[in-house]
PDB file of N, CA and C in Angstrom:
ATOM      1  N   MET A   1      45.708  15.019  32.351  1.00  0.00           N
ATOM      2  CA  MET A   1      45.084  14.570  31.127  1.00  0.00           C
ATOM      3  C   MET A   1      46.109  13.902  30.206  1.00  0.00           C
ATOM      4  N   LYS A   2      47.319  14.511  30.127  1.00  0.00           N
ATOM      5  CA  LYS A   2      48.347  13.918  29.272  1.00  0.00           C
ATOM      6  C   LYS A   2      48.758  12.546  29.785  1.00  0.00           C
ATOM      7  N   LYS A   3      48.769  12.376  31.121  1.00  0.00           N
ATOM      8  CA  LYS A   3      49.147  11.081  31.682  1.00  0.00           C
ATOM      9  C   LYS A   3      48.152  10.003  31.259  1.00  0.00           C
ATOM     10  N   ILE A   4      46.884  10.356  31.226  1.00  0.00           N
ATOM     11  CA  ILE A   4      45.864   9.389  30.824  1.00  0.00           C
ATOM     12  C   ILE A   4      46.067   8.997  29.365  1.00  0.00           C
ATOM     13  N   HIS A   5      46.338   9.972  28.502  1.00  0.00           N
ATOM     14  CA  HIS A   5      46.582   9.669  27.090  1.00  0.00           C
ATOM     15  C   HIS A   5      47.809   8.778  26.922  1.00  0.00           C
ATOM     16  N   VAL A   6      48.864   9.072  27.663  1.00  0.00           N
ATOM     17  CA  VAL A   6      50.081   8.263  27.587  1.00  0.00           C
ATOM     18  C   VAL A   6      49.790   6.844  28.060  1.00  0.00           C
ATOM     19  N   MET A   7      49.003   6.700  29.125  1.00  0.00           N
ATOM     20  CA  MET A   7      48.662   5.370  29.628  1.00  0.00           C
ATOM     21  C   MET A   7      47.834   4.594  28.606  1.00  0.00           C
ATOM     22  N   ILE A   8      46.883   5.255  27.986  1.00  0.00           N
ATOM     23  CA  ILE A   8      46.040   4.593  26.989  1.00  0.00           C
ATOM     24  C   ILE A   8      46.881   4.138  25.805  1.00  0.00           C
ATOM     25  N   ILE A   9      47.768   4.999  25.334  1.00  0.00           N
ATOM     26  CA  ILE A   9      48.643   4.641  24.213  1.00  0.00           C
ATOM     27  C   ILE A   9      49.539   3.471  24.605  1.00  0.00           C
ATOM     28  N   GLY A  10      50.062   3.483  25.823  1.00  0.00           N
ATOM     29  CA  GLY A  10      50.906   2.384  26.303  1.00  0.00           C
ATOM     30  C   GLY A  10      50.155   1.074  26.337  1.00  0.00           C
ATOM     31  N   ILE A  11      48.918   1.104  26.814  1.00  0.00           N
ATOM     32  CA  ILE A  11      48.104  -0.114  26.873  1.00  0.00           C
ATOM     33  C   ILE A  11      47.817  -0.628  25.462  1.00  0.00           C
ATOM     34  N   LEU A  12      47.502   0.263  24.534  1.00  0.00           N
ATOM     35  CA  LEU A  12      47.253  -0.143  23.148  1.00  0.00           C
ATOM     36  C   LEU A  12      48.493  -0.749  22.514  1.00  0.00           C
ATOM     37  N   LEU A  13      49.647  -0.131  22.752  1.00  0.00           N
ATOM     38  CA  LEU A  13      50.894  -0.666  22.200  1.00  0.00           C
ATOM     39  C   LEU A  13      51.218  -2.031  22.796  1.00  0.00           C
ATOM     40  N   LEU A  14      50.934  -2.214  24.077  1.00  0.00           N
ATOM     41  CA  LEU A  14      51.166  -3.503  24.713  1.00  0.00           C
ATOM     42  C   LEU A  14      50.283  -4.567  24.073  1.00  0.00           C
ATOM     43  N   GLY A  15      49.046  -4.229  23.801  1.00  0.00           N
ATOM     44  CA  GLY A  15      48.134  -5.167  23.140  1.00  0.00           C
ATOM     45  C   GLY A  15      48.603  -5.528  21.747  1.00  0.00           C
ATOM     46  N   ILE A  16      49.113  -4.546  21.004  1.00  0.00           N
ATOM     47  CA  ILE A  16      49.648  -4.811  19.670  1.00  0.00           C
ATOM     48  C   ILE A  16      50.872  -5.705  19.766  1.00  0.00           C
ATOM     49  N   ALA A  17      51.732  -5.463  20.751  1.00  0.00           N
ATOM     50  CA  ALA A  17      52.936  -6.287  20.927  1.00  0.00           C
ATOM     51  C   ALA A  17      52.560  -7.727  21.232  1.00  0.00           C
ATOM     52  N   ARG A  18      51.532  -7.942  22.027  1.00  0.00           N
ATOM     53  CA  ARG A  18      51.115  -9.310  22.346  1.00  0.00           C
ATOM     54  C   ARG A  18      50.568 -10.024  21.124  1.00  0.00           C
ATOM     55  N   VAL A  19      49.820  -9.317  20.287  1.00  0.00           N
ATOM     56  CA  VAL A  19      49.309  -9.918  19.069  1.00  0.00           C
ATOM     57  C   VAL A  19      50.471 -10.286  18.151  1.00  0.00           C
ATOM     58  N   SER A  20      51.499  -9.424  18.087  1.00  0.00           N
ATOM     59  CA  SER A  20      52.617  -9.696  17.200  1.00  0.00           C
ATOM     60  C   SER A  20      53.533 -10.778  17.741  1.00  0.00           C
ATOM     61  N   ASP A  21      53.344 -11.224  19.000  1.00  0.00           N
ATOM     62  CA  ASP A  21      54.136 -12.312  19.549  1.00  0.00           C
ATOM     63  C   ASP A  21      53.824 -13.637  18.863  1.00  0.00           C
ATOM     64  N   ALA A  22      52.697 -13.714  18.188  1.00  0.00           N
ATOM     65  CA  ALA A  22      52.325 -14.956  17.520  1.00  0.00           C
ATOM     66  C   ALA A  22      53.345 -15.278  16.432  1.00  0.00           C
ATOM     67  N   ARG A  23      53.649 -16.554  16.293  1.00  0.00           N
ATOM     68  CA  ARG A  23      54.626 -17.001  15.308  1.00  0.00           C
ATOM     69  C   ARG A  23      53.932 -17.791  14.211  1.00  0.00           C
ATOM     70  N   GLU A  24      54.588 -17.877  13.062  1.00  0.00           N
ATOM     71  CA  GLU A  24      54.097 -18.728  11.992  1.00  0.00           C
ATOM     72  C   GLU A  24      55.093 -19.866  11.806  1.00  0.00           C
ATOM     73  N   HIS A  25      54.602 -21.089  11.857  1.00  0.00           N
ATOM     74  CA  HIS A  25      55.421 -22.290  11.694  1.00  0.00           C
ATOM     75  C   HIS A  25      55.190 -22.818  10.282  1.00  0.00           C
ATOM     76  N   LEU A  26      56.271 -23.028   9.554  1.00  0.00           N
ATOM     77  CA  LEU A  26      56.179 -23.514   8.186  1.00  0.00           C
ATOM     78  C   LEU A  26      56.358 -25.025   8.174  1.00  0.00           C
ATOM     79  N   ILE A  27      55.352 -25.728   7.664  1.00  0.00           N
ATOM     80  CA  ILE A  27      55.373 -27.184   7.548  1.00  0.00           C
ATOM     81  C   ILE A  27      55.203 -27.527   6.073  1.00  0.00           C
ATOM     82  N   SER A  28      56.124 -28.313   5.557  1.00  0.00           N
ATOM     83  CA  SER A  28      56.000 -28.716   4.158  1.00  0.00           C
ATOM     84  C   SER A  28      55.501 -30.150   4.056  1.00  0.00           C
ATOM     85  N   GLN A  29      54.905 -30.443   2.906  1.00  0.00           N
ATOM     86  CA  GLN A  29      54.479 -31.805   2.566  1.00  0.00           C
ATOM     87  C   GLN A  29      55.327 -32.220   1.380  1.00  0.00           C
ATOM     88  N   GLU A  30      56.102 -33.278   1.573  1.00  0.00           N
ATOM     89  CA  GLU A  30      56.958 -33.741   0.499  1.00  0.00           C
ATOM     90  C   GLU A  30      57.166 -35.234   0.646  1.00  0.00           C
ATOM     91  N   ASN A  31      57.123 -35.955  -0.471  1.00  0.00           N
ATOM     92  CA  ASN A  31      57.247 -37.416  -0.464  1.00  0.00           C
ATOM     93  C   ASN A  31      56.204 -38.065   0.449  1.00  0.00           C
ATOM     94  N   ASN A  32      54.986 -37.522   0.414  1.00  0.00           N
ATOM     95  CA  ASN A  32      53.871 -38.015   1.234  1.00  0.00           C
ATOM     96  C   ASN A  32      54.183 -38.007   2.727  1.00  0.00           C
ATOM     97  N   ARG A  33      54.925 -37.008   3.183  1.00  0.00           N
ATOM     98  CA  ARG A  33      55.250 -36.835   4.603  1.00  0.00           C
ATOM     99  C   ARG A  33      55.236 -35.350   4.949  1.00  0.00           C
ATOM    100  N   PHE A  34      54.894 -35.076   6.200  1.00  0.00           N
ATOM    101  CA  PHE A  34      55.047 -33.717   6.727  1.00  0.00           C
ATOM    102  C   PHE A  34      56.503 -33.516   7.125  1.00  0.00           C
ATOM    103  N   SER A  35      56.968 -32.284   7.103  1.00  0.00           N
ATOM    104  CA  SER A  35      58.353 -32.006   7.491  1.00  0.00           C
ATOM    105  C   SER A  35      58.574 -32.171   8.991  1.00  0.00           C
ATOM    106  N   GLU A  36      57.509 -32.185   9.777  1.00  0.00           N
ATOM    107  CA  GLU A  36      57.582 -32.401  11.226  1.00  0.00           C
ATOM    108  C   GLU A  36      56.627 -33.532  11.600  1.00  0.00           C
ATOM    109  N   VAL A  37      57.025 -34.318  12.604  1.00  0.00           N
ATOM    110  CA  VAL A  37      56.153 -35.361  13.124  1.00  0.00           C
ATOM    111  C   VAL A  37      55.408 -34.844  14.353  1.00  0.00           C
ATOM    112  N   PHE A  38      56.076 -33.976  15.133  1.00  0.00           N
ATOM    113  CA  PHE A  38      55.485 -33.377  16.333  1.00  0.00           C
ATOM    114  C   PHE A  38      55.850 -31.908  16.360  1.00  0.00           C
ATOM    115  N   LEU A  39      54.878 -31.068  16.712  1.00  0.00           N
ATOM    116  CA  LEU A  39      55.102 -29.626  16.763  1.00  0.00           C
ATOM    117  C   LEU A  39      54.363 -29.053  17.959  1.00  0.00           C
ATOM    118  N   LYS A  40      55.042 -28.232  18.751  1.00  0.00           N
ATOM    119  CA  LYS A  40      54.407 -27.531  19.870  1.00  0.00           C
ATOM    120  C   LYS A  40      54.244 -26.075  19.460  1.00  0.00           C
ATOM    121  N   VAL A  41      53.022 -25.564  19.554  1.00  0.00           N
ATOM    122  CA  VAL A  41      52.730 -24.179  19.191  1.00  0.00           C
ATOM    123  C   VAL A  41      51.957 -23.518  20.323  1.00  0.00           C
ATOM    124  N   GLU A  42      51.960 -22.211  20.337  1.00  0.00           N
ATOM    125  CA  GLU A  42      51.136 -21.455  21.275  1.00  0.00           C
ATOM    126  C   GLU A  42      49.774 -21.205  20.622  1.00  0.00           C
ATOM    127  N   SER A  43      48.790 -20.850  21.429  1.00  0.00           N
ATOM    128  CA  SER A  43      47.429 -20.711  20.904  1.00  0.00           C
ATOM    129  C   SER A  43      47.282 -19.581  19.883  1.00  0.00           C
ATOM    130  N   ARG A  44      48.165 -18.612  19.874  1.00  0.00           N
ATOM    131  CA  ARG A  44      48.071 -17.529  18.886  1.00  0.00           C
ATOM    132  C   ARG A  44      48.863 -17.822  17.623  1.00  0.00           C
ATOM    133  N   ASP A  45      49.659 -18.875  17.633  1.00  0.00           N
ATOM    134  CA  ASP A  45      50.523 -19.189  16.502  1.00  0.00           C
ATOM    135  C   ASP A  45      49.717 -19.675  15.298  1.00  0.00           C
ATOM    136  N   LYS A  46      50.327 -19.519  14.143  1.00  0.00           N
ATOM    137  CA  LYS A  46      49.738 -20.004  12.902  1.00  0.00           C
ATOM    138  C   LYS A  46      50.651 -21.085  12.329  1.00  0.00           C
ATOM    139  N   ILE A  47      50.050 -22.040  11.650  1.00  0.00           N
ATOM    140  CA  ILE A  47      50.797 -23.114  10.994  1.00  0.00           C
ATOM    141  C   ILE A  47      50.501 -23.007   9.504  1.00  0.00           C
ATOM    142  N   LYS A  48      51.557 -22.802   8.725  1.00  0.00           N
ATOM    143  CA  LYS A  48      51.395 -22.723   7.272  1.00  0.00           C
ATOM    144  C   LYS A  48      51.866 -24.044   6.679  1.00  0.00           C
ATOM    145  N   ILE A  49      50.947 -24.753   6.029  1.00  0.00           N
ATOM    146  CA  ILE A  49      51.244 -26.037   5.404  1.00  0.00           C
ATOM    147  C   ILE A  49      51.375 -25.810   3.906  1.00  0.00           C
ATOM    148  N   VAL A  50      52.521 -26.209   3.350  1.00  0.00           N
ATOM    149  CA  VAL A  50      52.805 -26.017   1.927  1.00  0.00           C
ATOM    150  C   VAL A  50      52.973 -27.378   1.267  1.00  0.00           C
ATOM    151  N   ASN A  51      52.246 -27.610   0.175  1.00  0.00           N
ATOM    152  CA  ASN A  51      52.331 -28.869  -0.552  1.00  0.00           C
ATOM    153  C   ASN A  51      53.458 -28.775  -1.588  1.00  0.00           C
ATOM    154  N   LEU A  52      54.573 -29.456  -1.318  1.00  0.00           N
ATOM    155  CA  LEU A  52      55.693 -29.504  -2.247  1.00  0.00           C
ATOM    156  C   LEU A  52      55.675 -30.779  -3.090  1.00  0.00           C
ATOM    157  N   ASP A  53      54.662 -31.621  -2.889  1.00  0.00           N
ATOM    158  CA  ASP A  53      54.528 -32.851  -3.664  1.00  0.00           C
ATOM    159  C   ASP A  53      53.918 -32.552  -5.032  1.00  0.00           C
ATOM    160  N   SER A  54      53.908 -33.558  -5.885  1.00  0.00           N
ATOM    161  CA  SER A  54      53.312 -33.414  -7.214  1.00  0.00           C
ATOM    162  C   SER A  54      51.880 -33.946  -7.249  1.00  0.00           C
ATOM    163  N   VAL A  55      51.338 -34.288  -6.073  1.00  0.00           N
ATOM    164  CA  VAL A  55      49.963 -34.794  -5.963  1.00  0.00           C
ATOM    165  C   VAL A  55      49.184 -33.952  -4.956  1.00  0.00           C
ATOM    166  N   ASN A  56      47.853 -34.049  -5.037  1.00  0.00           N
ATOM    167  CA  ASN A  56      46.997 -33.339  -4.087  1.00  0.00           C
ATOM    168  C   ASN A  56      47.066 -33.995  -2.711  1.00  0.00           C
ATOM    169  N   HIS A  57      46.840 -33.196  -1.666  1.00  0.00           N
ATOM    170  CA  HIS A  57      46.705 -33.707  -0.307  1.00  0.00           C
ATOM    171  C   HIS A  57      45.463 -33.084   0.316  1.00  0.00           C
ATOM    172  N   LYS A  58      44.624 -33.919   0.874  1.00  0.00           N
ATOM    173  CA  LYS A  58      43.414 -33.465   1.564  1.00  0.00           C
ATOM    174  C   LYS A  58      43.724 -33.500   3.057  1.00  0.00           C
ATOM    175  N   ILE A  59      43.883 -32.335   3.657  1.00  0.00           N
ATOM    176  CA  ILE A  59      44.345 -32.217   5.037  1.00  0.00           C
ATOM    177  C   ILE A  59      43.156 -32.091   5.992  1.00  0.00           C
ATOM    178  N   SER A  60      43.215 -32.867   7.069  1.00  0.00           N
ATOM    179  CA  SER A  60      42.202 -32.763   8.125  1.00  0.00           C
ATOM    180  C   SER A  60      42.895 -32.945   9.465  1.00  0.00           C
ATOM    181  N   PHE A  61      42.194 -32.609  10.527  1.00  0.00           N
ATOM    182  CA  PHE A  61      42.749 -32.873  11.850  1.00  0.00           C
ATOM    183  C   PHE A  61      41.675 -33.406  12.780  1.00  0.00           C
ATOM    184  N   MET A  62      42.130 -34.228  13.722  1.00  0.00           N
ATOM    185  CA  MET A  62      41.259 -34.777  14.764  1.00  0.00           C
ATOM    186  C   MET A  62      41.512 -33.993  16.039  1.00  0.00           C
ATOM    187  N   TYR A  63      40.434 -33.561  16.673  1.00  0.00           N
ATOM    188  CA  TYR A  63      40.526 -32.873  17.954  1.00  0.00           C
ATOM    189  C   TYR A  63      39.327 -33.304  18.777  1.00  0.00           C
ATOM    190  N   LYS A  64      39.599 -33.877  19.935  1.00  0.00           N
ATOM    191  CA  LYS A  64      38.535 -34.378  20.815  1.00  0.00           C
ATOM    192  C   LYS A  64      37.580 -35.299  20.057  1.00  0.00           C
ATOM    193  N   GLU A  65      38.174 -36.220  19.314  1.00  0.00           N
ATOM    194  CA  GLU A  65      37.447 -37.263  18.579  1.00  0.00           C
ATOM    195  C   GLU A  65      36.524 -36.734  17.477  1.00  0.00           C
ATOM    196  N   ARG A  66      36.769 -35.505  17.040  1.00  0.00           N
ATOM    197  CA  ARG A  66      35.998 -34.955  15.918  1.00  0.00           C
ATOM    198  C   ARG A  66      36.967 -34.589  14.808  1.00  0.00           C
ATOM    199  N   GLU A  67      36.670 -35.049  13.603  1.00  0.00           N
ATOM    200  CA  GLU A  67      37.532 -34.744  12.466  1.00  0.00           C
ATOM    201  C   GLU A  67      37.018 -33.502  11.755  1.00  0.00           C
ATOM    202  N   GLN A  68      37.958 -32.628  11.398  1.00  0.00           N
ATOM    203  CA  GLN A  68      37.596 -31.400  10.703  1.00  0.00           C
ATOM    204  C   GLN A  68      38.483 -31.260   9.469  1.00  0.00           C
ATOM    205  N   LEU A  69      37.870 -31.069   8.319  1.00  0.00           N
ATOM    206  CA  LEU A  69      38.609 -30.867   7.083  1.00  0.00           C
ATOM    207  C   LEU A  69      39.206 -29.468   7.079  1.00  0.00           C
ATOM    208  N   VAL A  70      40.488 -29.372   6.743  1.00  0.00           N
ATOM    209  CA  VAL A  70      41.151 -28.073   6.673  1.00  0.00           C
ATOM    210  C   VAL A  70      41.155 -27.569   5.235  1.00  0.00           C
ATOM    211  N   ALA A  71      41.696 -28.379   4.324  1.00  0.00           N
ATOM    212  CA  ALA A  71      41.779 -27.949   2.922  1.00  0.00           C
ATOM    213  C   ALA A  71      42.229 -29.094   2.048  1.00  0.00           C
ATOM    214  N   GLU A  72      41.954 -28.960   0.762  1.00  0.00           N
ATOM    215  CA  GLU A  72      42.561 -29.848  -0.220  1.00  0.00           C
ATOM    216  C   GLU A  72      43.611 -29.015  -0.943  1.00  0.00           C
ATOM    217  N   LEU A  73      44.865 -29.428  -0.780  1.00  0.00           N
ATOM    218  CA  LEU A  73      45.968 -28.649  -1.334  1.00  0.00           C
ATOM    219  C   LEU A  73      46.487 -29.277  -2.615  1.00  0.00           C
ATOM    220  N   GLU A  74      46.449 -28.509  -3.679  1.00  0.00           N
ATOM    221  CA  GLU A  74      47.044 -28.926  -4.938  1.00  0.00           C
ATOM    222  C   GLU A  74      48.556 -28.713  -4.843  1.00  0.00           C
ATOM    223  N   PRO A  75      49.330 -29.302  -5.737  1.00  0.00           N
ATOM    224  CA  PRO A  75      50.772 -29.080  -5.724  1.00  0.00           C
ATOM    225  C   PRO A  75      51.112 -27.585  -5.773  1.00  0.00           C
ATOM    226  N   GLY A  76      51.983 -27.157  -4.865  1.00  0.00           N
ATOM    227  CA  GLY A  76      52.396 -25.751  -4.796  1.00  0.00           C
ATOM    228  C   GLY A  76      51.500 -24.872  -3.945  1.00  0.00           C
ATOM    229  N   ALA A  77      50.339 -25.374  -3.557  1.00  0.00           N
ATOM    230  CA  ALA A  77      49.396 -24.572  -2.764  1.00  0.00           C
ATOM    231  C   ALA A  77      49.762 -24.624  -1.283  1.00  0.00           C
ATOM    232  N   SER A  78      49.247 -23.658  -0.533  1.00  0.00           N
ATOM    233  CA  SER A  78      49.482 -23.627   0.912  1.00  0.00           C
ATOM    234  C   SER A  78      48.201 -23.253   1.633  1.00  0.00           C
ATOM    235  N   GLN A  79      48.173 -23.545   2.923  1.00  0.00           N
ATOM    236  CA  GLN A  79      47.016 -23.240   3.776  1.00  0.00           C
ATOM    237  C   GLN A  79      47.530 -22.863   5.158  1.00  0.00           C
ATOM    238  N   VAL A  80      47.008 -21.790   5.717  1.00  0.00           N
ATOM    239  CA  VAL A  80      47.365 -21.377   7.074  1.00  0.00           C
ATOM    240  C   VAL A  80      46.244 -21.804   8.005  1.00  0.00           C
ATOM    241  N   ILE A  81      46.613 -22.470   9.104  1.00  0.00           N
ATOM    242  CA  ILE A  81      45.628 -22.857  10.112  1.00  0.00           C
ATOM    243  C   ILE A  81      46.059 -22.301  11.456  1.00  0.00           C
ATOM    244  N   GLU A  82      45.094 -22.059  12.306  1.00  0.00           N
ATOM    245  CA  GLU A  82      45.347 -21.570  13.660  1.00  0.00           C
ATOM    246  C   GLU A  82      44.544 -22.438  14.617  1.00  0.00           C
ATOM    247  N   LEU A  83      45.230 -23.028  15.590  1.00  0.00           N
ATOM    248  CA  LEU A  83      44.596 -23.916  16.561  1.00  0.00           C
ATOM    249  C   LEU A  83      44.526 -23.176  17.891  1.00  0.00           C
ATOM    250  N   ASP A  84      43.354 -22.711  18.261  1.00  0.00           N
ATOM    251  CA  ASP A  84      43.200 -21.872  19.449  1.00  0.00           C
ATOM    252  C   ASP A  84      43.036 -22.655  20.743  1.00  0.00           C
ATOM    253  N   SER A  85      42.354 -23.776  20.694  1.00  0.00           N
ATOM    254  CA  SER A  85      42.046 -24.520  21.918  1.00  0.00           C
ATOM    255  C   SER A  85      43.218 -25.392  22.338  1.00  0.00           C
ATOM    256  N   PRO A  86      43.538 -25.421  23.637  1.00  0.00           N
ATOM    257  CA  PRO A  86      44.628 -26.281  24.115  1.00  0.00           C
ATOM    258  C   PRO A  86      44.315 -27.759  23.880  1.00  0.00           C
ATOM    259  N   GLY A  87      45.369 -28.528  23.648  1.00  0.00           N
ATOM    260  CA  GLY A  87      45.202 -29.970  23.480  1.00  0.00           C
ATOM    261  C   GLY A  87      46.088 -30.520  22.383  1.00  0.00           C
ATOM    262  N   LEU A  88      45.835 -31.771  22.024  1.00  0.00           N
ATOM    263  CA  LEU A  88      46.573 -32.454  20.966  1.00  0.00           C
ATOM    264  C   LEU A  88      45.719 -32.516  19.710  1.00  0.00           C
ATOM    265  N   TYR A  89      46.328 -32.220  18.583  1.00  0.00           N
ATOM    266  CA  TYR A  89      45.667 -32.274  17.285  1.00  0.00           C
ATOM    267  C   TYR A  89      46.425 -33.271  16.420  1.00  0.00           C
ATOM    268  N   ASP A  90      45.732 -34.238  15.875  1.00  0.00           N
ATOM    269  CA  ASP A  90      46.327 -35.183  14.932  1.00  0.00           C
ATOM    270  C   ASP A  90      45.983 -34.703  13.531  1.00  0.00           C
ATOM    271  N   ILE A  91      46.995 -34.250  12.805  1.00  0.00           N
ATOM    272  CA  ILE A  91      46.806 -33.724  11.456  1.00  0.00           C
ATOM    273  C   ILE A  91      47.254 -34.796  10.468  1.00  0.00           C
ATOM    274  N   LYS A  92      46.455 -34.997   9.415  1.00  0.00           N
ATOM    275  CA  LYS A  92      46.785 -36.054   8.460  1.00  0.00           C
ATOM    276  C   LYS A  92      46.288 -35.692   7.067  1.00  0.00           C
ATOM    277  N   SER A  93      46.787 -36.456   6.106  1.00  0.00           N
ATOM    278  CA  SER A  93      46.278 -36.388   4.748  1.00  0.00           C
ATOM    279  C   SER A  93      45.267 -37.525   4.597  1.00  0.00           C
ATOM    280  N   GLN A  94      44.053 -37.200   4.216  1.00  0.00           N
ATOM    281  CA  GLN A  94      43.043 -38.234   4.036  1.00  0.00           C
ATOM    282  C   GLN A  94      43.355 -39.137   2.853  1.00  0.00           C
ATOM    283  N   LEU A  95      44.141 -38.649   1.899  1.00  0.00           N
ATOM    284  CA  LEU A  95      44.468 -39.428   0.712  1.00  0.00           C
ATOM    285  C   LEU A  95      45.709 -40.300   0.907  1.00  0.00           C
ATOM    286  N   HIS A  96      46.559 -39.956   1.882  1.00  0.00           N
ATOM    287  CA  HIS A  96      47.804 -40.683   2.131  1.00  0.00           C
ATOM    288  C   HIS A  96      47.924 -40.929   3.636  1.00  0.00           C
ATOM    289  N   PRO A  97      47.440 -42.070   4.137  1.00  0.00           N
ATOM    290  CA  PRO A  97      47.370 -42.323   5.588  1.00  0.00           C
ATOM    291  C   PRO A  97      48.716 -42.289   6.312  1.00  0.00           C
ATOM    292  N   GLU A  98      49.814 -42.525   5.597  1.00  0.00           N
ATOM    293  CA  GLU A  98      51.124 -42.478   6.250  1.00  0.00           C
ATOM    294  C   GLU A  98      51.573 -41.047   6.546  1.00  0.00           C
ATOM    295  N   MET A  99      50.904 -40.054   5.966  1.00  0.00           N
ATOM    296  CA  MET A  99      51.245 -38.653   6.180  1.00  0.00           C
ATOM    297  C   MET A  99      50.463 -38.139   7.381  1.00  0.00           C
ATOM    298  N   LYS A 100      51.164 -38.012   8.516  1.00  0.00           N
ATOM    299  CA  LYS A 100      50.486 -37.517   9.720  1.00  0.00           C
ATOM    300  C   LYS A 100      51.489 -36.844  10.641  1.00  0.00           C
ATOM    301  N   MET A 101      50.968 -35.970  11.481  1.00  0.00           N
ATOM    302  CA  MET A 101      51.763 -35.276  12.485  1.00  0.00           C
ATOM    303  C   MET A 101      50.865 -34.909  13.650  1.00  0.00           C
ATOM    304  N   THR A 102      51.467 -34.647  14.805  1.00  0.00           N
ATOM    305  CA  THR A 102      50.727 -34.237  15.992  1.00  0.00           C
ATOM    306  C   THR A 102      51.157 -32.832  16.371  1.00  0.00           C
ATOM    307  N   VAL A 103      50.178 -31.979  16.649  1.00  0.00           N
ATOM    308  CA  VAL A 103      50.451 -30.611  17.097  1.00  0.00           C
ATOM    309  C   VAL A 103      49.911 -30.480  18.515  1.00  0.00           C
ATOM    310  N   TYR A 104      50.752 -29.929  19.392  1.00  0.00           N
ATOM    311  CA  TYR A 104      50.399 -29.743  20.800  1.00  0.00           C
ATOM    312  C   TYR A 104      50.255 -28.260  21.102  1.00  0.00           C
ATOM    313  N   VAL A 105      49.076 -27.878  21.591  1.00  0.00           N
ATOM    314  CA  VAL A 105      48.823 -26.518  22.069  1.00  0.00           C
ATOM    315  C   VAL A 105      48.664 -26.635  23.578  1.00  0.00           C
ATOM    316  N   PRO A 106      49.651 -26.140  24.372  1.00  0.00           N
ATOM    317  CA  PRO A 106      49.612 -26.347  25.822  1.00  0.00           C
ATOM    318  C   PRO A 106      48.558 -25.501  26.524  1.00  0.00           C
ATOM    319  N   HIS A 107      48.135 -25.993  27.680  1.00  0.00           N
ATOM    320  CA  HIS A 107      47.312 -25.205  28.595  1.00  0.00           C
ATOM    321  C   HIS A 107      48.271 -24.261  29.316  1.00  0.00           C
ATOM    322  N   ILE A 108      47.916 -23.012  29.450  1.00  0.00           N
ATOM    323  CA  ILE A 108      48.766 -22.058  30.151  1.00  0.00           C
ATOM    324  C   ILE A 108      47.994 -21.534  31.352  1.00  0.00           C
ATOM    325  N   VAL A 109      48.603 -21.648  32.519  1.00  0.00           N
ATOM    326  CA  VAL A 109      47.994 -21.142  33.745  1.00  0.00           C
ATOM    327  C   VAL A 109      48.899 -20.059  34.298  1.00  0.00           C
ATOM    328  N   LYS A 110      48.374 -18.860  34.501  1.00  0.00           N
ATOM    329  CA  LYS A 110      49.160 -17.759  35.051  1.00  0.00           C
ATOM    330  C   LYS A 110      48.810 -17.610  36.521  1.00  0.00           C
ATOM    331  N   ILE A 111      49.845 -17.658  37.364  1.00  0.00           N
ATOM    332  CA  ILE A 111      49.634 -17.650  38.810  1.00  0.00           C
ATOM    333  C   ILE A 111      50.438 -16.529  39.457  1.00  0.00           C
ATOM    334  N   GLY A 112      49.797 -15.801  40.382  1.00  0.00           N
ATOM    335  CA  GLY A 112      50.492 -14.844  41.226  1.00  0.00           C
ATOM    336  C   GLY A 112      50.823 -13.527  40.557  1.00  0.00           C
ATOM    337  N   ALA A 113      51.346 -12.614  41.393  1.00  0.00           N
ATOM    338  CA  ALA A 113      51.671 -11.276  40.946  1.00  0.00           C
ATOM    339  C   ALA A 113      52.834 -11.278  39.954  1.00  0.00           C
ATOM    340  N   GLU A 114      53.692 -12.284  40.036  1.00  0.00           N
ATOM    341  CA  GLU A 114      54.831 -12.354  39.122  1.00  0.00           C
ATOM    342  C   GLU A 114      54.422 -12.855  37.748  1.00  0.00           C
ATOM    343  N   ARG A 115      53.196 -13.319  37.602  1.00  0.00           N
ATOM    344  CA  ARG A 115      52.645 -13.806  36.333  1.00  0.00           C
ATOM    345  C   ARG A 115      53.484 -14.946  35.762  1.00  0.00           C
ATOM    346  N   ARG A 116      53.829 -15.878  36.604  1.00  0.00           N
ATOM    347  CA  ARG A 116      54.557 -17.060  36.128  1.00  0.00           C
ATOM    348  C   ARG A 116      53.627 -17.906  35.279  1.00  0.00           C
ATOM    349  N   GLU A 117      54.183 -18.510  34.263  1.00  0.00           N
ATOM    350  CA  GLU A 117      53.391 -19.335  33.369  1.00  0.00           C
ATOM    351  C   GLU A 117      53.786 -20.801  33.564  1.00  0.00           C
ATOM    352  N   TYR A 118      52.787 -21.648  33.688  1.00  0.00           N
ATOM    353  CA  TYR A 118      53.019 -23.083  33.811  1.00  0.00           C
ATOM    354  C   TYR A 118      52.333 -23.774  32.659  1.00  0.00           C
ATOM    355  N   TYR A 119      53.063 -24.650  31.987  1.00  0.00           N
ATOM    356  CA  TYR A 119      52.522 -25.381  30.839  1.00  0.00           C
ATOM    357  C   TYR A 119      52.289 -26.825  31.246  1.00  0.00           C
ATOM    358  N   PHE A 120      51.211 -27.400  30.800  1.00  0.00           N
ATOM    359  CA  PHE A 120      50.989 -28.834  30.999  1.00  0.00           C
ATOM    360  C   PHE A 120      50.154 -29.385  29.880  1.00  0.00           C
TER     361      PHE A 120
END
């Protein structure tokens, strides 16, 4: 019985560890530009966008030819986004067309008993 409890606790802790593997990427907006032009993230990662400009930025992203509004950020404001689906996301400011970046969320395929991961 104790072995079963230990196994259950181990499985729960492993699940918590996997959730905590997610990272937060900090992207700033300054001088009508993002701090990154290209960013690769994992599907559990979060992207925090902070407006360091003195003007508003209306942030949206294109994914599979569909545009989705994320937020309108006032100066000093921030927004956290999470992109779960694999693929390329074009993130831009609708008010400042020169402000854009691409975020890549790779496809991950796990193969075999060794659980090797292949990204493409």
